[in-house]
Each structure stands twice: as structure tokens, then as C-alpha cells.
Amino acid sequence: MWMLKEILIYLGVAIVFLVILKIFKIKWKFIISLLINILVGGIVLFLVNYIPGVTLEINALNALFVGILGVPAVIILLIYYFVK
């Protein structure tokens, strides 16, 4: 039963997302490039975790941050990790 609820939640979020796209007339090319950048950001975070002593959290926000800003975002996250 919980799986059905989870699927319905994801379906609802997808519908709201599509409605927002239509309202603001956001191009699919922008959305696809943003998703690719997030994927690349997650891969970079995964590879950074192979550095001994570094365990950066791989979540959507960090992946988005790294995907948009690139290498400077990785450096900022590393500084935050070591200061924290």
C-alpha cells in the first residue's frame, strides 16, 4: 500500500511540474540541460568521495549546486566539509 502512495505522490509532483512548465513557458531544452548538469554534478561528488578522508553527502541540492557552478562548487563544498 505504501508503494502505491509513493507512486501517486511522484505522479502528482510530475503533473505539477508540467503545469508549471506550461505556465512559465520554460523550454524543454533548459530543463534537459539542467538535469544533465545535475547528473554530472552527482557523478563529480561521487568521484570526490574516493579521496581518502572525504565523505561529501550526495543529495539533490549538492548535485544541483555542483551541476550549475561546476568546479568552484566542489571547492566550496570541500571547504564547508572541512570547516564543519
N, C-alpha and C. Protein backbone atom coordinates (compact mmCIF):
# COMPACT_ATOMS: atom_id res chain seq x y z
N MET A 1 0.82 -1.19 0.00
CA MET A 1 0.00 0.00 0.00
C MET A 1 0.86 1.25 0.00
N TRP A 2 1.98 1.24 0.76
CA TRP A 2 2.83 2.43 0.83
C TRP A 2 3.46 2.72 -0.53
N MET A 3 3.70 1.68 -1.33
CA MET A 3 4.30 1.88 -2.64
C MET A 3 3.33 2.60 -3.57
N LEU A 4 2.05 2.28 -3.47
CA LEU A 4 1.04 2.95 -4.28
C LEU A 4 0.97 4.43 -3.91
N LYS A 5 1.04 4.74 -2.63
CA LYS A 5 1.03 6.14 -2.19
C LYS A 5 2.25 6.88 -2.73
N GLU A 6 3.39 6.23 -2.68
CA GLU A 6 4.62 6.85 -3.17
C GLU A 6 4.54 7.11 -4.68
N ILE A 7 4.00 6.17 -5.42
CA ILE A 7 3.85 6.35 -6.87
C ILE A 7 2.89 7.49 -7.17
N LEU A 8 1.80 7.58 -6.42
CA LEU A 8 0.85 8.67 -6.61
C LEU A 8 1.45 10.02 -6.28
N ILE A 9 2.29 10.06 -5.27
CA ILE A 9 2.97 11.31 -4.93
C ILE A 9 3.90 11.73 -6.06
N TYR A 10 4.69 10.80 -6.59
CA TYR A 10 5.58 11.13 -7.70
C TYR A 10 4.79 11.57 -8.93
N LEU A 11 3.68 10.92 -9.19
CA LEU A 11 2.83 11.29 -10.32
C LEU A 11 2.26 12.69 -10.14
N GLY A 12 1.83 12.99 -8.93
CA GLY A 12 1.32 14.33 -8.63
C GLY A 12 2.38 15.41 -8.80
N VAL A 13 3.59 15.13 -8.33
CA VAL A 13 4.69 16.08 -8.48
C VAL A 13 5.01 16.29 -9.95
N ALA A 14 4.99 15.23 -10.73
CA ALA A 14 5.26 15.35 -12.17
C ALA A 14 4.20 16.19 -12.86
N ILE A 15 2.95 16.01 -12.49
CA ILE A 15 1.87 16.80 -13.09
C ILE A 15 2.01 18.28 -12.72
N VAL A 16 2.29 18.57 -11.46
CA VAL A 16 2.50 19.95 -11.04
C VAL A 16 3.70 20.55 -11.77
N PHE A 17 4.76 19.77 -11.94
CA PHE A 17 5.94 20.22 -12.66
C PHE A 17 5.59 20.58 -14.11
N LEU A 18 4.82 19.75 -14.77
CA LEU A 18 4.42 20.02 -16.15
C LEU A 18 3.52 21.25 -16.25
N VAL A 19 2.64 21.44 -15.28
CA VAL A 19 1.78 22.62 -15.27
C VAL A 19 2.62 23.89 -15.10
N ILE A 20 3.60 23.85 -14.22
CA ILE A 20 4.49 25.00 -14.02
C ILE A 20 5.26 25.29 -15.30
N LEU A 21 5.72 24.25 -15.99
CA LEU A 21 6.41 24.45 -17.26
C LEU A 21 5.52 25.16 -18.27
N LYS A 22 4.27 24.74 -18.33
CA LYS A 22 3.33 25.36 -19.27
C LYS A 22 3.02 26.81 -18.89
N ILE A 23 2.86 27.07 -17.59
CA ILE A 23 2.52 28.42 -17.15
C ILE A 23 3.65 29.40 -17.47
N PHE A 24 4.88 29.03 -17.14
CA PHE A 24 6.01 29.92 -17.33
C PHE A 24 6.67 29.77 -18.70
N LYS A 25 6.17 28.87 -19.52
CA LYS A 25 6.67 28.63 -20.88
C LYS A 25 8.19 28.37 -20.88
N ILE A 26 8.60 27.52 -19.98
CA ILE A 26 10.00 27.14 -19.89
C ILE A 26 10.30 26.11 -20.96
N LYS A 27 11.40 26.29 -21.66
CA LYS A 27 11.76 25.39 -22.75
C LYS A 27 12.27 24.07 -22.20
N TRP A 28 11.97 22.99 -22.93
CA TRP A 28 12.43 21.65 -22.54
C TRP A 28 13.94 21.55 -22.62
N LYS A 29 14.54 22.30 -23.55
CA LYS A 29 16.00 22.26 -23.69
C LYS A 29 16.67 22.72 -22.40
N PHE A 30 16.12 23.74 -21.76
CA PHE A 30 16.67 24.23 -20.50
C PHE A 30 16.54 23.17 -19.41
N ILE A 31 15.38 22.54 -19.33
CA ILE A 31 15.15 21.52 -18.30
C ILE A 31 16.09 20.33 -18.51
N ILE A 32 16.24 19.90 -19.75
CA ILE A 32 17.12 18.76 -20.03
C ILE A 32 18.57 19.10 -19.70
N SER A 33 19.01 20.31 -20.07
CA SER A 33 20.40 20.68 -19.76
C SER A 33 20.60 20.78 -18.25
N LEU A 34 19.59 21.27 -17.52
CA LEU A 34 19.70 21.33 -16.06
C LEU A 34 19.78 19.93 -15.46
N LEU A 35 18.97 19.00 -15.96
CA LEU A 35 19.02 17.62 -15.46
C LEU A 35 20.36 16.95 -15.77
N ILE A 36 20.92 17.23 -16.95
CA ILE A 36 22.23 16.68 -17.29
C ILE A 36 23.29 17.25 -16.36
N ASN A 37 23.21 18.55 -16.09
CA ASN A 37 24.18 19.16 -15.17
C ASN A 37 24.07 18.58 -13.77
N ILE A 38 22.84 18.30 -13.32
CA ILE A 38 22.66 17.69 -12.00
C ILE A 38 23.26 16.30 -11.98
N LEU A 39 23.06 15.53 -13.04
CA LEU A 39 23.64 14.19 -13.13
C LEU A 39 25.16 14.24 -13.10
N VAL A 40 25.74 15.15 -13.86
CA VAL A 40 27.20 15.30 -13.87
C VAL A 40 27.68 15.75 -12.49
N GLY A 41 26.95 16.65 -11.85
CA GLY A 41 27.31 17.09 -10.51
C GLY A 41 27.31 15.94 -9.51
N GLY A 42 26.31 15.07 -9.61
CA GLY A 42 26.26 13.90 -8.73
C GLY A 42 27.42 12.95 -8.98
N ILE A 43 27.81 12.78 -10.24
CA ILE A 43 28.95 11.92 -10.57
C ILE A 43 30.24 12.52 -10.02
N VAL A 44 30.39 13.85 -10.15
CA VAL A 44 31.59 14.50 -9.61
C VAL A 44 31.65 14.33 -8.10
N LEU A 45 30.53 14.50 -7.42
CA LEU A 45 30.51 14.29 -5.97
C LEU A 45 30.85 12.85 -5.62
N PHE A 46 30.36 11.91 -6.41
CA PHE A 46 30.68 10.50 -6.19
C PHE A 46 32.18 10.27 -6.32
N LEU A 47 32.80 10.86 -7.34
CA LEU A 47 34.24 10.69 -7.55
C LEU A 47 35.06 11.39 -6.47
N VAL A 48 34.57 12.54 -5.98
CA VAL A 48 35.29 13.24 -4.91
C VAL A 48 35.30 12.41 -3.64
N ASN A 49 34.27 11.60 -3.44
CA ASN A 49 34.22 10.76 -2.25
C ASN A 49 35.30 9.68 -2.23
N TYR A 50 35.97 9.45 -3.35
CA TYR A 50 37.08 8.49 -3.37
C TYR A 50 38.36 9.07 -2.78
N ILE A 51 38.38 10.39 -2.53
CA ILE A 51 39.54 10.99 -1.87
C ILE A 51 39.52 10.51 -0.42
N PRO A 52 40.65 9.97 0.06
CA PRO A 52 40.66 9.46 1.44
C PRO A 52 40.35 10.57 2.45
N GLY A 53 39.45 10.29 3.36
CA GLY A 53 39.09 11.23 4.41
C GLY A 53 37.97 12.19 4.03
N VAL A 54 37.45 12.09 2.84
CA VAL A 54 36.38 12.99 2.40
C VAL A 54 35.12 12.16 2.16
N THR A 55 34.04 12.55 2.82
CA THR A 55 32.76 11.90 2.57
C THR A 55 31.70 12.99 2.41
N LEU A 56 31.63 13.56 1.22
CA LEU A 56 30.61 14.56 0.93
C LEU A 56 29.28 13.86 0.70
N GLU A 57 28.24 14.48 1.19
CA GLU A 57 26.91 13.91 1.04
C GLU A 57 26.44 14.12 -0.40
N ILE A 58 25.93 13.07 -1.00
CA ILE A 58 25.40 13.17 -2.37
C ILE A 58 23.89 13.27 -2.26
N ASN A 59 23.37 14.48 -2.41
CA ASN A 59 21.93 14.69 -2.43
C ASN A 59 21.58 15.62 -3.58
N ALA A 60 20.31 15.84 -3.79
CA ALA A 60 19.86 16.63 -4.94
C ALA A 60 20.37 18.07 -4.87
N LEU A 61 20.40 18.66 -3.68
CA LEU A 61 20.84 20.05 -3.55
C LEU A 61 22.32 20.19 -3.87
N ASN A 62 23.15 19.30 -3.33
CA ASN A 62 24.58 19.36 -3.64
C ASN A 62 24.85 19.08 -5.12
N ALA A 63 24.14 18.13 -5.68
CA ALA A 63 24.32 17.82 -7.11
C ALA A 63 23.90 19.00 -7.98
N LEU A 64 22.80 19.66 -7.62
CA LEU A 64 22.37 20.85 -8.35
C LEU A 64 23.40 21.96 -8.23
N PHE A 65 23.91 22.16 -7.03
CA PHE A 65 24.92 23.18 -6.76
C PHE A 65 26.16 22.94 -7.61
N VAL A 66 26.65 21.70 -7.62
CA VAL A 66 27.84 21.36 -8.41
C VAL A 66 27.52 21.37 -9.90
N GLY A 67 26.33 20.95 -10.26
CA GLY A 67 25.94 20.94 -11.67
C GLY A 67 25.87 22.33 -12.27
N ILE A 68 25.42 23.30 -11.49
CA ILE A 68 25.30 24.67 -12.01
C ILE A 68 26.63 25.41 -11.94
N LEU A 69 27.31 25.33 -10.81
CA LEU A 69 28.54 26.12 -10.63
C LEU A 69 29.81 25.40 -11.04
N GLY A 70 29.77 24.07 -11.10
CA GLY A 70 30.94 23.33 -11.56
C GLY A 70 32.00 23.14 -10.48
N VAL A 71 33.25 23.26 -10.90
CA VAL A 71 34.39 23.01 -10.00
C VAL A 71 34.40 23.96 -8.80
N PRO A 72 34.09 25.25 -8.95
CA PRO A 72 34.07 26.11 -7.75
C PRO A 72 33.11 25.61 -6.68
N ALA A 73 32.00 25.00 -7.09
CA ALA A 73 31.05 24.47 -6.11
C ALA A 73 31.66 23.28 -5.37
N VAL A 74 32.43 22.46 -6.05
CA VAL A 74 33.10 21.33 -5.38
C VAL A 74 34.08 21.87 -4.35
N ILE A 75 34.82 22.90 -4.71
CA ILE A 75 35.79 23.50 -3.78
C ILE A 75 35.05 24.10 -2.57
N ILE A 76 33.93 24.78 -2.82
CA ILE A 76 33.14 25.36 -1.72
C ILE A 76 32.62 24.25 -0.81
N LEU A 77 32.12 23.17 -1.38
CA LEU A 77 31.63 22.06 -0.56
C LEU A 77 32.75 21.41 0.25
N LEU A 78 33.93 21.29 -0.36
CA LEU A 78 35.07 20.73 0.38
C LEU A 78 35.47 21.64 1.53
N ILE A 79 35.51 22.94 1.30
CA ILE A 79 35.84 23.88 2.37
C ILE A 79 34.79 23.77 3.48
N TYR A 80 33.52 23.73 3.10
CA TYR A 80 32.47 23.58 4.09
C TYR A 80 32.61 22.28 4.87
N TYR A 81 32.95 21.22 4.18
CA TYR A 81 33.12 19.91 4.83
C TYR A 81 34.23 19.94 5.87
N PHE A 82 35.37 20.56 5.53
CA PHE A 82 36.50 20.56 6.45
C PHE A 82 36.34 21.58 7.58
N VAL A 83 35.57 22.65 7.36
CA VAL A 83 35.35 23.64 8.41
C VAL A 83 34.31 23.15 9.39
N LYS A 84 33.32 22.44 8.88
CA LYS A 84 32.23 21.94 9.71
C LYS A 84 32.75 20.91 10.63
